[in-house]
Structure formats: structure tokens, C-alpha cells
Amino acid sequence: MRETLIQNKANAIAFYKMAYNGNPDKAVELYVGAEYIQHNPLVGDGTQPFIDYFNRMASEYPDKSIEVVRAVAEGDLVALHTHQIWPENDQYVTMDFFRFDNNGKVVEHWDAIQQIPDTSANKNTMY
């Protein structure tokens, strides 16, 4: 079980980085199972809308970057906490959740994104 959790975390990170950095076709080929259920309201269900979305993001925003701050795995789920930097230093914190099938493939995705504000009511970071 522990090995599965470790492998699912590694696969979630590789999948997300590969898609985010402009190669969603390869990410789907390597890491997605027979189905892909999408809960982000800006992206359609299935693999092709996922590929189209990330290809468009790569084309429109080639200089964006992502850092995975932490990854947590439990059961068939992996959660990624990331820091994204977009053009003009537009920064976001994201939480992505991936569900894996019994073959170690991503089959479902949820996410939440928040722009990092210029000021904070406390001295803590969002990471």
C-alpha cells in the first residue's frame, strides 16, 4: 500500500507538470486511465478537452511556471499544493486533487485556485 501511495504521488506530480509545461498529450498518454472525469468548470470532461485547455494555456502563456510545494496521498487520492507564477508576476496558490484507478492511472480531478494577495492580515505565507 505504501509503495502505491508513493507511486501515485510521483505520477500526479509528473502528470500535472507535464501538462502544465506544454505537453498534455504525453501526460494523458502516460498517466490517464480509461476515463477522465473533470470537475473544473472551465475544462470539459474527458481527455481531449483537458489536452485542448493545456495546449491553449501553453500557447497563450509560455512563460508561466509551477512549483509543487507539497503532495499528500491517501487511499486512491493525491492532493497537490502548488505555487503558480504567470506573466507580470501574477501568482496563484492551487490545490489539486487526483483520483487514481487500480492501475495507478488518473481518472478524476478537482481543483481550487486563489490569487495570492498583495497584503495579508497575518505574517504567514499561503504555503
Protein backbone atom coordinates (compact mmCIF):
# COMPACT_ATOMS: atom_id res chain seq x y z
CA MET A 1 0.00 0.00 0.00
CA ARG A 2 2.79 2.45 0.93
CA GLU A 3 4.51 1.87 -2.41
CA THR A 4 1.24 2.60 -4.24
CA LEU A 5 0.86 5.91 -2.38
CA ILE A 6 4.44 6.90 -3.21
CA GLN A 7 3.97 5.97 -6.88
CA ASN A 8 0.63 7.79 -7.13
CA LYS A 9 2.21 10.96 -5.68
CA ALA A 10 5.07 10.76 -8.18
CA ASN A 11 2.61 10.16 -11.04
CA ALA A 12 0.34 13.04 -10.01
CA ILE A 13 3.31 15.43 -9.94
CA ALA A 14 4.69 14.21 -13.26
CA PHE A 15 1.24 14.32 -14.89
CA TYR A 16 0.47 17.84 -13.73
CA LYS A 17 3.90 19.29 -14.53
CA MET A 18 3.97 17.67 -17.97
CA ALA A 19 0.54 19.04 -18.88
CA TYR A 20 1.19 22.47 -17.33
CA ASN A 21 4.54 22.82 -19.10
CA GLY A 22 3.05 22.23 -22.53
CA ASN A 23 2.86 18.51 -23.21
CA PRO A 24 -0.68 17.46 -22.22
CA ASP A 25 -0.89 14.82 -24.99
CA LYS A 26 2.04 12.92 -23.49
CA ALA A 27 0.70 13.46 -19.95
CA VAL A 28 -2.61 11.85 -20.92
CA GLU A 29 -0.87 9.02 -22.77
CA LEU A 30 1.34 8.15 -19.80
CA TYR A 31 -0.81 8.91 -16.77
CA VAL A 32 -4.56 8.89 -17.53
CA GLY A 33 -6.82 5.85 -17.28
CA ALA A 34 -9.74 4.72 -19.43
CA GLU A 35 -11.91 7.61 -18.22
CA TYR A 36 -11.13 11.16 -17.11
CA ILE A 37 -13.73 12.99 -15.04
CA GLN A 38 -13.11 16.73 -14.76
CA HIS A 39 -14.64 18.90 -12.02
CA ASN A 40 -13.03 22.22 -13.01
CA PRO A 41 -15.91 24.21 -14.58
CA LEU A 42 -13.54 25.81 -17.11
CA VAL A 43 -12.46 22.47 -18.62
CA GLY A 44 -14.70 19.90 -20.32
CA ASP A 45 -14.97 16.26 -19.32
CA GLY A 46 -12.65 13.73 -20.90
CA THR A 47 -9.10 13.80 -22.17
CA GLN A 48 -9.49 15.92 -25.32
CA PRO A 49 -10.89 19.00 -23.52
CA PHE A 50 -8.04 18.62 -20.99
CA ILE A 51 -5.47 18.50 -23.81
CA ASP A 52 -7.07 21.46 -25.60
CA TYR A 53 -7.11 23.55 -22.40
CA PHE A 54 -3.45 22.95 -21.55
CA ASN A 55 -2.32 23.44 -25.16
CA ARG A 56 -4.12 26.79 -25.17
CA MET A 57 -2.51 27.78 -21.85
CA ALA A 58 0.94 26.84 -23.18
CA SER A 59 0.37 28.88 -26.32
CA GLU A 60 -1.07 31.94 -24.59
CA TYR A 61 1.23 31.90 -21.52
CA PRO A 62 4.52 30.20 -22.44
CA ASP A 63 6.45 31.83 -19.57
CA LYS A 64 4.28 30.55 -16.72
CA SER A 65 5.85 28.32 -14.06
CA ILE A 66 4.73 25.92 -11.38
CA GLU A 67 6.28 24.61 -8.17
CA VAL A 68 4.78 21.71 -6.28
CA VAL A 69 5.07 22.76 -2.65
CA ARG A 70 3.67 19.57 -1.16
CA ALA A 71 1.90 16.36 -2.09
CA VAL A 72 -0.29 14.21 0.13
CA ALA A 73 -1.60 10.75 -0.72
CA GLU A 74 -4.34 8.76 0.97
CA GLY A 75 -6.23 5.80 -0.42
CA ASP A 76 -6.79 6.43 -4.13
CA LEU A 77 -6.37 10.23 -3.84
CA VAL A 78 -3.40 12.56 -4.23
CA ALA A 79 -3.53 16.25 -3.30
CA LEU A 80 -1.04 18.74 -4.70
CA HIS A 81 -0.46 22.19 -3.19
CA THR A 82 1.22 24.34 -5.84
CA HIS A 83 2.58 27.82 -6.45
CA GLN A 84 1.98 29.15 -9.96
CA ILE A 85 3.59 32.26 -11.43
CA TRP A 86 2.05 33.73 -14.57
CA PRO A 87 3.14 36.68 -16.74
CA GLU A 88 3.62 40.02 -14.97
CA ASN A 89 4.28 38.13 -11.70
CA ASP A 90 0.62 37.16 -11.34
CA GLN A 91 0.81 34.48 -8.62
CA TYR A 92 -1.65 31.79 -7.55
CA VAL A 93 -1.89 29.07 -4.94
CA THR A 94 -3.70 25.93 -6.09
CA MET A 95 -4.95 22.75 -4.54
CA ASP A 96 -5.46 19.90 -6.99
CA PHE A 97 -6.93 16.52 -6.13
CA PHE A 98 -6.47 13.48 -8.34
CA ARG A 99 -8.24 10.12 -8.01
CA PHE A 100 -6.38 7.07 -9.27
CA ASP A 101 -7.74 3.78 -10.55
CA ASN A 102 -6.39 0.34 -9.55
CA ASN A 103 -3.81 0.56 -12.36
CA GLY A 104 -2.25 3.74 -10.96
CA LYS A 105 -3.83 6.00 -13.60
CA VAL A 106 -5.53 9.37 -13.04
CA VAL A 107 -9.28 9.10 -13.61
CA GLU A 108 -10.71 12.16 -11.83
CA HIS A 109 -9.64 15.71 -10.97
CA TRP A 110 -10.83 18.54 -8.72
CA ASP A 111 -9.10 21.86 -8.07
CA ALA A 112 -9.31 25.20 -6.31
CA ILE A 113 -7.25 28.26 -7.19
CA GLN A 114 -6.70 31.54 -5.37
CA GLN A 115 -4.72 34.56 -6.43
CA ILE A 116 -2.06 35.44 -3.88
CA PRO A 117 -2.98 38.87 -2.48
CA ASP A 118 -0.55 41.75 -2.13
CA THR A 119 -1.27 42.04 1.60
CA SER A 120 -2.27 39.65 4.34
CA ALA A 121 -3.91 40.00 7.77
CA ASN A 122 -1.16 37.71 9.15
CA LYS A 123 2.57 37.08 8.63
CA ASN A 124 2.07 33.54 7.28
CA THR A 125 2.51 32.66 3.64
CA MET A 126 -0.04 30.64 1.72
CA TYR A 127 2.46 27.77 1.74
